[in-house]
Amino acid sequence: MKKIEAIIRPEKLDDVKETLNDHGIVGMTVTQVMGCGRQKGRKEVYRGVELNINLLPKVKIEIAVNDTDLDKVIDVISKTARTGQIGDGKIFVYNIEDVIRIRTGDTGENAI
């Protein structure tokens, strides 16, 4: 089992959710986050004062998947979230030792 964390542009969230749903992936956690990377923020002028905004709004999607679905989910997220511009985001993959569904007590891949 794997956990996928994808940091993407906020405006791409609905497209990614819809495409994942079309591929049978429905369980996910979404968090609004702030971050910076190579994009290094942007400069804005507010009332004549130049401000450096280096933390930009992003969305973090967390998904637990069976090993067999890993490549499919990564492919869907990367293709759907890609704009070709700096700041498209990153995908991280972690091993999951175990999963327990609280309601039923199911464990392992049955709990996903």
C-alpha atoms as a PDB file:
ATOM      1  CA  MET A   1       0.000   0.000   0.000  1.00  0.00           C
ATOM      2  CA  LYS A   2       1.175   3.521  -0.761  1.00  0.00           C
ATOM      3  CA  LYS A   3       0.270   7.040   0.284  1.00  0.00           C
ATOM      4  CA  ILE A   4       0.425   9.679  -2.424  1.00  0.00           C
ATOM      5  CA  GLU A   5       0.781  13.349  -1.510  1.00  0.00           C
ATOM      6  CA  ALA A   6       0.351  15.715  -4.422  1.00  0.00           C
ATOM      7  CA  ILE A   7       0.948  19.455  -4.102  1.00  0.00           C
ATOM      8  CA  ILE A   8      -0.844  21.180  -6.991  1.00  0.00           C
ATOM      9  CA  ARG A   9      -2.229  24.518  -8.106  1.00  0.00           C
ATOM     10  CA  PRO A  10      -5.605  25.304  -6.464  1.00  0.00           C
ATOM     11  CA  GLU A  11      -7.290  25.898  -9.808  1.00  0.00           C
ATOM     12  CA  LYS A  12      -6.445  22.331 -10.900  1.00  0.00           C
ATOM     13  CA  LEU A  13      -8.147  20.637  -7.923  1.00  0.00           C
ATOM     14  CA  ASP A  14     -11.574  20.127  -9.513  1.00  0.00           C
ATOM     15  CA  ASP A  15     -10.050  18.707 -12.708  1.00  0.00           C
ATOM     16  CA  VAL A  16      -7.857  16.282 -10.742  1.00  0.00           C
ATOM     17  CA  LYS A  17     -10.748  15.175  -8.493  1.00  0.00           C
ATOM     18  CA  GLU A  18     -13.037  14.596 -11.466  1.00  0.00           C
ATOM     19  CA  THR A  19     -10.423  12.659 -13.435  1.00  0.00           C
ATOM     20  CA  LEU A  20      -9.514  10.496 -10.421  1.00  0.00           C
ATOM     21  CA  ASN A  21     -13.225   9.817  -9.873  1.00  0.00           C
ATOM     22  CA  ASP A  22     -13.554   8.756 -13.517  1.00  0.00           C
ATOM     23  CA  HIS A  23     -10.753   6.223 -12.879  1.00  0.00           C
ATOM     24  CA  GLY A  24     -12.460   4.805  -9.770  1.00  0.00           C
ATOM     25  CA  ILE A  25     -10.356   6.639  -7.152  1.00  0.00           C
ATOM     26  CA  VAL A  26     -12.760   8.391  -4.787  1.00  0.00           C
ATOM     27  CA  GLY A  27     -11.135   8.524  -1.342  1.00  0.00           C
ATOM     28  CA  MET A  28      -8.865  11.485  -0.691  1.00  0.00           C
ATOM     29  CA  THR A  29      -8.044  14.215   1.786  1.00  0.00           C
ATOM     30  CA  VAL A  30      -7.586  17.775   0.516  1.00  0.00           C
ATOM     31  CA  THR A  31      -5.831  20.542   2.448  1.00  0.00           C
ATOM     32  CA  GLN A  32      -5.158  24.154   1.530  1.00  0.00           C
ATOM     33  CA  VAL A  33      -1.459  24.849   2.045  1.00  0.00           C
ATOM     34  CA  MET A  34       1.114  27.552   1.320  1.00  0.00           C
ATOM     35  CA  GLY A  35       4.499  26.877  -0.215  1.00  0.00           C
ATOM     36  CA  CYS A  36       7.292  27.901  -2.502  1.00  0.00           C
ATOM     37  CA  GLY A  37       9.892  26.184  -4.601  1.00  0.00           C
ATOM     38  CA  ARG A  38      11.556  27.193  -7.828  1.00  0.00           C
ATOM     39  CA  GLN A  39       8.684  29.582  -8.416  1.00  0.00           C
ATOM     40  CA  LYS A  40      10.142  31.750  -5.620  1.00  0.00           C
ATOM     41  CA  GLY A  41       6.952  33.739  -5.166  1.00  0.00           C
ATOM     42  CA  ARG A  42       6.066  36.998  -6.822  1.00  0.00           C
ATOM     43  CA  LYS A  43       6.287  40.741  -6.265  1.00  0.00           C
ATOM     44  CA  GLU A  44       3.230  42.904  -5.789  1.00  0.00           C
ATOM     45  CA  VAL A  45       2.786  46.595  -5.173  1.00  0.00           C
ATOM     46  CA  TYR A  46       0.344  47.564  -2.430  1.00  0.00           C
ATOM     47  CA  ARG A  47      -0.234  51.282  -1.811  1.00  0.00           C
ATOM     48  CA  GLY A  48       3.074  52.123  -3.399  1.00  0.00           C
ATOM     49  CA  VAL A  49       5.048  49.595  -1.357  1.00  0.00           C
ATOM     50  CA  GLU A  50       6.641  46.646  -3.119  1.00  0.00           C
ATOM     51  CA  LEU A  51       5.948  43.358  -1.334  1.00  0.00           C
ATOM     52  CA  ASN A  52       7.678  40.026  -1.904  1.00  0.00           C
ATOM     53  CA  ILE A  53       5.169  37.212  -1.568  1.00  0.00           C
ATOM     54  CA  ASN A  54       7.196  34.016  -1.442  1.00  0.00           C
ATOM     55  CA  LEU A  55       4.571  31.616  -0.069  1.00  0.00           C
ATOM     56  CA  LEU A  56       1.947  30.883  -2.671  1.00  0.00           C
ATOM     57  CA  PRO A  57      -1.402  29.121  -2.177  1.00  0.00           C
ATOM     58  CA  LYS A  58      -1.363  25.441  -3.130  1.00  0.00           C
ATOM     59  CA  VAL A  59      -3.546  22.402  -2.497  1.00  0.00           C
ATOM     60  CA  LYS A  60      -2.299  19.132  -1.003  1.00  0.00           C
ATOM     61  CA  ILE A  61      -4.124  15.949  -1.981  1.00  0.00           C
ATOM     62  CA  GLU A  62      -3.493  12.811   0.073  1.00  0.00           C
ATOM     63  CA  ILE A  63      -4.576   9.432  -1.295  1.00  0.00           C
ATOM     64  CA  ALA A  64      -3.991   5.905   0.015  1.00  0.00           C
ATOM     65  CA  VAL A  65      -3.889   3.332  -2.792  1.00  0.00           C
ATOM     66  CA  ASN A  66      -3.140  -0.328  -3.377  1.00  0.00           C
ATOM     67  CA  ASP A  67       0.218  -0.965  -5.050  1.00  0.00           C
ATOM     68  CA  THR A  68      -1.584  -1.982  -8.241  1.00  0.00           C
ATOM     69  CA  ASP A  69      -3.231   1.473  -8.563  1.00  0.00           C
ATOM     70  CA  LEU A  70      -0.101   3.515  -7.828  1.00  0.00           C
ATOM     71  CA  ASP A  71       1.096   4.134 -11.389  1.00  0.00           C
ATOM     72  CA  LYS A  72      -2.431   4.901 -12.607  1.00  0.00           C
ATOM     73  CA  VAL A  73      -3.022   7.518  -9.892  1.00  0.00           C
ATOM     74  CA  ILE A  74       0.378   9.173 -10.411  1.00  0.00           C
ATOM     75  CA  ASP A  75      -0.223   9.308 -14.155  1.00  0.00           C
ATOM     76  CA  VAL A  76      -3.700  10.824 -13.743  1.00  0.00           C
ATOM     77  CA  ILE A  77      -2.528  13.489 -11.285  1.00  0.00           C
ATOM     78  CA  SER A  78       0.573  14.467 -13.227  1.00  0.00           C
ATOM     79  CA  LYS A  79      -1.222  14.727 -16.579  1.00  0.00           C
ATOM     80  CA  THR A  80      -4.273  16.543 -15.209  1.00  0.00           C
ATOM     81  CA  ALA A  81      -2.404  19.021 -12.980  1.00  0.00           C
ATOM     82  CA  ARG A  82       0.284  19.888 -15.544  1.00  0.00           C
ATOM     83  CA  THR A  83       0.239  23.353 -17.104  1.00  0.00           C
ATOM     84  CA  GLY A  84       3.859  23.346 -18.243  1.00  0.00           C
ATOM     85  CA  GLN A  85       4.657  26.363 -16.067  1.00  0.00           C
ATOM     86  CA  ILE A  86       6.878  26.613 -12.998  1.00  0.00           C
ATOM     87  CA  GLY A  87       4.770  25.957  -9.908  1.00  0.00           C
ATOM     88  CA  ASP A  88       2.753  22.971 -11.169  1.00  0.00           C
ATOM     89  CA  GLY A  89       3.691  21.085  -8.005  1.00  0.00           C
ATOM     90  CA  LYS A  90       5.139  17.793  -6.868  1.00  0.00           C
ATOM     91  CA  ILE A  91       4.010  14.237  -6.102  1.00  0.00           C
ATOM     92  CA  PHE A  92       5.444  12.308  -3.157  1.00  0.00           C
ATOM     93  CA  VAL A  93       4.977   8.563  -2.584  1.00  0.00           C
ATOM     94  CA  TYR A  94       5.276   6.877   0.840  1.00  0.00           C
ATOM     95  CA  ASN A  95       4.981   3.286   2.006  1.00  0.00           C
ATOM     96  CA  ILE A  96       2.013   2.522   4.286  1.00  0.00           C
ATOM     97  CA  GLU A  97       2.576  -0.105   6.932  1.00  0.00           C
ATOM     98  CA  ASP A  98      -1.091  -0.692   7.755  1.00  0.00           C
ATOM     99  CA  VAL A  99      -4.555   0.831   7.409  1.00  0.00           C
ATOM    100  CA  ILE A 100      -7.498   0.355   9.760  1.00  0.00           C
ATOM    101  CA  ARG A 101     -11.050   1.395   8.872  1.00  0.00           C
ATOM    102  CA  ILE A 102     -12.455   2.683  12.163  1.00  0.00           C
ATOM    103  CA  ARG A 103     -16.118   1.917  11.405  1.00  0.00           C
ATOM    104  CA  THR A 104     -15.691  -1.766  10.542  1.00  0.00           C
ATOM    105  CA  GLY A 105     -12.271  -2.703  11.868  1.00  0.00           C
ATOM    106  CA  ASP A 106     -11.124  -3.786   8.385  1.00  0.00           C
ATOM    107  CA  THR A 107      -7.353  -3.743   7.973  1.00  0.00           C
ATOM    108  CA  GLY A 108      -4.855  -3.669   5.140  1.00  0.00           C
ATOM    109  CA  GLU A 109      -5.981  -3.310   1.547  1.00  0.00           C
ATOM    110  CA  ASN A 110      -9.595  -4.043   2.536  1.00  0.00           C
ATOM    111  CA  ALA A 111      -9.611  -0.814   4.553  1.00  0.00           C
ATOM    112  CA  ILE A 112      -8.674   1.326   1.567  1.00  0.00           C
END
